[in-house]
Amino acid sequence: MNRKFPVEFAFQVFALITAIVVVHGMYTLVIRPKAEVIRAQQLEQIAADENYVPERSPYILVKDLEQEMCFILMLWAMAIMAYKAVIASKEGKLLEQNLIPLADGVSILPEDTRSYSRTVQELPLAQRNLLLPRVLRSALHRFHTTRSIQDVSTVVRDLCEGESERLDSELSMVRYIAWAIPSIGFIGTVRGIGEALGQAHKAVEGDITGVTASLGVAFNSTFIALLLSIVLMFLLHQLQLVMERLVLDTESYCDERLVSQLQVR
């Protein structure tokens, strides 16, 4: 457990830097130049035809700083969730293995726990620190020391509940990002409205180009932020569902393949 946190922290830092470089590069090389060209063409057509209604280009919708920040945060959150999904997948594959091999009709006595615990302990390090091996080792050790099946059942339940709380707390950063994205969108809205009000005198004089551009910033930033937030929250809830099922399946695995096979003379 102590070794996993620095690796995960380093991954999160690397994922954030990568998201910044990739998104900013896309904005600098593709999105903003395209948006400027499209905007210039639209202004020319508006000047030539007062009845012309410009189409809403995706490049113009996402060209501003707030949208760029939202995409960076979304990619960062998706990388964090992908990391946790990979770990959950490894946990799920481990549940398909028989880590406590027992022949039919054979029970586990307190004297036998060390041999079964050794089997779990011999797993590769990457698997040894996963939830199921940790619970099995703790349960076997408790049965060896207390010789109580009830204590084993209690330790399995407590460890699974603690793991569920830990997994939930580890998603706090993703939840913060899911909250921050629409907040950044609202900041863009306030900025755009402020700029529009600052150019109100030009609108009075008949030039509404600056006002409409600023209002576009206001509404586009909120639209993109809310859209990304919806996608991110959907992925977050799917990941939470996978993690909750993983903990429940681990508890069921221990009850069926360990606790039910214990016997005290």
Protein backbone atom coordinates (compact mmCIF):
# COMPACT_ATOMS: atom_id res chain seq x y z
CA MET A 1 0.00 0.00 0.00
CA ASN A 2 2.82 2.40 0.86
CA ARG A 3 4.48 1.77 -2.49
CA LYS A 4 1.38 2.39 -4.58
CA PHE A 5 0.73 6.02 -3.57
CA PRO A 6 3.96 7.54 -5.01
CA VAL A 7 3.41 5.66 -8.27
CA GLU A 8 -0.17 6.88 -8.52
CA PHE A 9 0.84 10.43 -7.59
CA ALA A 10 3.59 10.42 -10.21
CA PHE A 11 1.12 9.13 -12.78
CA GLN A 12 -1.34 11.92 -11.95
CA VAL A 13 1.37 14.59 -12.32
CA PHE A 14 2.53 13.08 -15.60
CA ALA A 15 -1.07 12.85 -16.86
CA LEU A 16 -1.70 16.52 -16.01
CA ILE A 17 1.45 17.68 -17.80
CA THR A 18 0.61 15.53 -20.82
CA ALA A 19 -2.95 16.88 -20.95
CA ILE A 20 -1.67 20.47 -20.81
CA VAL A 21 0.86 19.90 -23.59
CA VAL A 22 -1.54 18.02 -25.87
CA VAL A 23 -4.53 20.34 -25.46
CA HIS A 24 -2.52 23.57 -25.63
CA GLY A 25 -0.69 22.27 -28.70
CA MET A 26 -4.02 21.50 -30.40
CA TYR A 27 -5.35 24.95 -29.55
CA THR A 28 -2.21 26.73 -30.72
CA LEU A 29 -1.71 24.81 -33.94
CA VAL A 30 -5.26 23.97 -35.04
CA ILE A 31 -8.25 25.30 -33.13
CA ARG A 32 -7.46 29.02 -32.66
CA PRO A 33 -6.04 29.57 -36.20
CA LYS A 34 -9.09 27.84 -37.68
CA ALA A 35 -11.45 29.86 -35.48
CA GLU A 36 -9.81 33.15 -36.56
CA VAL A 37 -10.14 32.25 -40.24
CA ILE A 38 -13.79 31.23 -39.86
CA ARG A 39 -14.59 34.34 -37.81
CA ALA A 40 -12.99 36.61 -40.41
CA GLN A 41 -15.01 34.94 -43.18
CA GLN A 42 -18.21 35.35 -41.22
CA LEU A 43 -17.54 39.05 -40.61
CA GLU A 44 -16.94 39.57 -44.32
CA GLN A 45 -20.20 37.84 -45.21
CA ILE A 46 -22.10 39.82 -42.56
CA ALA A 47 -20.69 43.07 -43.97
CA ALA A 48 -21.73 42.03 -47.48
CA ASP A 49 -25.19 40.77 -46.51
CA GLU A 50 -27.06 42.10 -43.48
CA ASN A 51 -29.45 39.11 -43.54
CA TYR A 52 -26.64 36.55 -43.36
CA VAL A 53 -26.84 34.25 -40.31
CA PRO A 54 -23.44 32.69 -39.47
CA GLU A 55 -23.31 29.01 -38.65
CA ARG A 56 -22.04 27.89 -35.25
CA SER A 57 -18.63 26.43 -35.99
CA PRO A 58 -17.18 23.92 -33.48
CA TYR A 59 -13.86 25.77 -33.67
CA ILE A 60 -15.49 29.00 -32.51
CA LEU A 61 -17.41 27.18 -29.77
CA VAL A 62 -14.22 25.87 -28.15
CA LYS A 63 -11.62 28.52 -29.02
CA ASP A 64 -11.49 30.44 -25.73
CA LEU A 65 -9.25 29.97 -22.69
CA GLU A 66 -12.02 28.62 -20.45
CA GLN A 67 -12.86 25.83 -22.88
CA GLU A 68 -9.18 24.94 -23.16
CA MET A 69 -8.92 24.63 -19.38
CA CYS A 70 -12.05 22.47 -19.30
CA PHE A 71 -10.61 20.07 -21.87
CA ILE A 72 -7.34 19.85 -19.93
CA LEU A 73 -9.17 19.02 -16.71
CA MET A 74 -11.40 16.50 -18.44
CA LEU A 75 -8.46 14.64 -20.00
CA TRP A 76 -6.70 14.66 -16.63
CA ALA A 77 -9.76 13.23 -14.86
CA MET A 78 -10.19 10.58 -17.56
CA ALA A 79 -6.53 9.54 -17.16
CA ILE A 80 -7.00 9.18 -13.38
CA MET A 81 -10.14 7.11 -13.90
CA ALA A 82 -8.43 4.96 -16.52
CA TYR A 83 -5.62 4.22 -14.05
CA LYS A 84 -8.11 3.13 -11.41
CA ALA A 85 -10.11 1.13 -13.96
CA VAL A 86 -6.98 -0.82 -14.90
CA ILE A 87 -6.37 -1.67 -11.23
CA ALA A 88 -10.01 -2.69 -10.84
CA SER A 89 -9.65 -4.93 -13.89
CA LYS A 90 -6.66 -6.66 -12.31
CA GLU A 91 -8.67 -7.13 -9.12
CA GLY A 92 -11.52 -8.64 -11.12
CA LYS A 93 -9.26 -11.11 -12.93
CA LEU A 94 -7.85 -12.24 -9.59
CA LEU A 95 -11.36 -13.12 -8.44
CA GLU A 96 -11.48 -15.71 -11.23
CA GLN A 97 -8.57 -17.63 -9.71
CA ASN A 98 -8.81 -20.22 -6.96
CA LEU A 99 -6.38 -18.85 -4.39
CA ILE A 100 -7.54 -21.31 -1.72
CA PRO A 101 -7.40 -24.69 -3.50
CA LEU A 102 -9.42 -27.27 -1.57
CA ALA A 103 -10.46 -30.76 -2.51
CA ASP A 104 -14.10 -31.75 -2.11
CA GLY A 105 -15.03 -32.42 1.49
CA VAL A 106 -11.82 -30.86 2.90
CA SER A 107 -12.07 -28.13 5.52
CA ILE A 108 -9.51 -25.62 6.76
CA LEU A 109 -8.37 -26.08 10.34
CA PRO A 110 -6.50 -23.44 12.36
CA GLU A 111 -3.34 -25.53 12.01
CA ASP A 112 -3.61 -25.43 8.21
CA THR A 113 -3.80 -21.64 7.83
CA ARG A 114 -0.06 -21.10 7.45
CA SER A 115 0.20 -23.32 4.40
CA TYR A 116 -2.74 -21.61 2.69
CA SER A 117 -1.43 -18.20 3.68
CA ARG A 118 1.92 -19.13 2.15
CA THR A 119 0.17 -19.87 -1.14
CA VAL A 120 -1.31 -16.39 -1.17
CA GLN A 121 1.98 -14.85 -0.08
CA GLU A 122 3.79 -16.43 -3.04
CA LEU A 123 1.75 -14.42 -5.53
CA PRO A 124 3.67 -11.81 -7.58
CA LEU A 125 4.13 -8.51 -5.77
CA ALA A 126 1.78 -6.70 -8.16
CA GLN A 127 -1.03 -9.12 -7.20
CA ARG A 128 -0.07 -9.58 -3.55
CA ASN A 129 -1.04 -6.01 -2.68
CA LEU A 130 -4.47 -6.20 -4.29
CA LEU A 131 -7.62 -6.38 -2.20
CA LEU A 132 -8.40 -10.11 -2.36
CA PRO A 133 -4.94 -11.39 -1.27
CA ARG A 134 -4.84 -8.86 1.56
CA VAL A 135 -8.23 -9.94 2.84
CA LEU A 136 -7.36 -13.63 2.57
CA ARG A 137 -4.07 -13.19 4.44
CA SER A 138 -5.74 -11.21 7.22
CA ALA A 139 -8.60 -13.70 7.51
CA LEU A 140 -6.28 -16.71 7.68
CA HIS A 141 -4.08 -15.00 10.25
CA ARG A 142 -7.12 -14.13 12.38
CA PHE A 143 -8.38 -17.71 12.21
CA HIS A 144 -4.94 -19.00 13.26
CA THR A 145 -4.77 -16.71 16.28
CA THR A 146 -8.38 -16.69 17.51
CA ARG A 147 -9.70 -20.02 16.15
CA SER A 148 -13.03 -18.23 15.73
CA ILE A 149 -14.99 -18.38 12.48
CA GLN A 150 -17.07 -15.39 13.58
CA ASP A 151 -13.91 -13.30 13.96
CA VAL A 152 -12.84 -14.29 10.46
CA SER A 153 -16.20 -13.24 9.04
CA THR A 154 -15.95 -9.94 10.91
CA VAL A 155 -12.45 -9.15 9.65
CA VAL A 156 -13.48 -9.90 6.06
CA ARG A 157 -16.46 -7.58 6.32
CA ASP A 158 -14.47 -4.82 8.04
CA LEU A 159 -11.64 -4.94 5.50
CA CYS A 160 -14.08 -4.81 2.59
CA GLU A 161 -15.95 -1.88 4.13
CA GLY A 162 -12.67 -0.07 4.74
CA GLU A 163 -11.59 -0.70 1.15
CA SER A 164 -14.90 0.63 -0.12
CA GLU A 165 -14.39 3.85 1.86
CA ARG A 166 -10.79 4.15 0.65
CA LEU A 167 -11.75 3.71 -3.00
CA ASP A 168 -14.48 6.30 -2.58
CA SER A 169 -12.07 8.80 -1.02
CA GLU A 170 -9.53 8.26 -3.82
CA LEU A 171 -12.10 9.59 -6.29
CA SER A 172 -12.26 12.93 -4.48
CA MET A 173 -9.90 14.55 -7.02
CA VAL A 174 -12.11 13.42 -9.91
CA ARG A 175 -15.17 14.79 -8.10
CA TYR A 176 -13.38 18.11 -7.61
CA ILE A 177 -12.57 18.26 -11.32
CA ALA A 178 -16.20 17.44 -12.18
CA TRP A 179 -17.19 20.42 -10.01
CA ALA A 180 -14.43 22.69 -11.33
CA ILE A 181 -15.28 22.27 -15.02
CA PRO A 182 -18.74 23.92 -14.91
CA SER A 183 -17.33 26.52 -12.50
CA ILE A 184 -14.70 27.48 -15.08
CA GLY A 185 -17.49 27.67 -17.64
CA PHE A 186 -19.37 30.14 -15.44
CA ILE A 187 -16.18 32.18 -15.06
CA GLY A 188 -16.08 32.43 -18.85
CA THR A 189 -19.70 33.55 -18.79
CA VAL A 190 -18.95 36.32 -16.30
CA ARG A 191 -15.89 37.39 -18.29
CA GLY A 192 -17.82 37.48 -21.55
CA ILE A 193 -20.72 39.46 -20.09
CA GLY A 194 -18.26 41.89 -18.49
CA GLU A 195 -16.53 42.46 -21.82
CA ALA A 196 -19.90 42.91 -23.53
CA LEU A 197 -20.95 45.54 -21.01
CA GLY A 198 -17.62 47.28 -21.48
CA GLN A 199 -18.42 47.65 -25.19
CA ALA A 200 -22.02 48.75 -24.73
CA HIS A 201 -21.19 52.27 -25.94
CA LYS A 202 -20.14 50.85 -29.31
CA ALA A 203 -23.46 48.99 -29.57
CA VAL A 204 -25.29 52.28 -28.95
CA GLU A 205 -23.34 53.75 -31.83
CA GLY A 206 -24.44 50.85 -34.05
CA ASP A 207 -21.38 48.58 -33.92
CA ILE A 208 -22.49 45.39 -32.18
CA THR A 209 -19.62 43.19 -33.40
CA GLY A 210 -17.67 43.41 -30.15
CA VAL A 211 -20.75 42.85 -28.00
CA THR A 212 -21.83 39.76 -29.92
CA ALA A 213 -18.30 38.32 -29.81
CA SER A 214 -18.14 38.80 -26.03
CA LEU A 215 -21.58 37.28 -25.52
CA GLY A 216 -20.43 34.36 -27.66
CA VAL A 217 -17.58 33.81 -25.21
CA ALA A 218 -20.07 33.92 -22.33
CA PHE A 219 -22.50 31.36 -23.67
CA ASN A 220 -20.02 29.08 -25.45
CA SER A 221 -17.89 28.58 -22.35
CA THR A 222 -20.88 27.53 -20.25
CA PHE A 223 -22.24 25.28 -23.00
CA ILE A 224 -18.96 23.39 -23.46
CA ALA A 225 -18.30 23.16 -19.71
CA LEU A 226 -21.72 21.70 -18.95
CA LEU A 227 -21.42 19.26 -21.84
CA LEU A 228 -18.03 18.01 -20.64
CA SER A 229 -19.31 17.80 -17.08
CA ILE A 230 -22.17 15.54 -18.15
CA VAL A 231 -19.76 13.16 -19.92
CA LEU A 232 -17.33 13.16 -16.99
CA MET A 233 -20.03 12.48 -14.39
CA PHE A 234 -21.31 9.56 -16.44
CA LEU A 235 -17.83 8.01 -16.57
CA LEU A 236 -17.31 8.68 -12.86
CA HIS A 237 -20.54 6.91 -11.89
CA GLN A 238 -19.65 3.95 -14.09
CA LEU A 239 -16.27 3.67 -12.37
CA GLN A 240 -17.90 3.89 -8.95
CA LEU A 241 -20.26 1.09 -9.94
CA VAL A 242 -17.34 -1.12 -11.00
CA MET A 243 -15.50 -0.47 -7.72
CA GLU A 244 -18.55 -1.16 -5.56
CA ARG A 245 -19.18 -4.44 -7.40
CA LEU A 246 -15.53 -5.36 -6.97
CA VAL A 247 -15.69 -4.97 -3.19
CA LEU A 248 -18.96 -6.91 -2.96
CA ASP A 249 -17.59 -9.69 -5.17
CA THR A 250 -14.46 -9.88 -3.01
CA GLU A 251 -16.54 -10.25 0.13
CA SER A 252 -18.67 -12.95 -1.52
CA TYR A 253 -15.52 -14.75 -2.72
CA CYS A 254 -14.13 -14.86 0.82
CA ASP A 255 -17.43 -16.03 2.29
CA GLU A 256 -17.89 -18.82 -0.25
CA ARG A 257 -14.31 -20.06 -0.63
CA LEU A 258 -12.83 -19.37 2.80
CA VAL A 259 -15.26 -18.68 5.62
CA SER A 260 -17.64 -21.49 4.67
CA GLN A 261 -14.69 -23.94 4.53
CA LEU A 262 -13.37 -23.18 8.02
CA GLN A 263 -13.78 -25.71 10.78
CA VAL A 264 -12.81 -25.80 14.46
CA ARG A 265 -12.31 -29.15 16.17
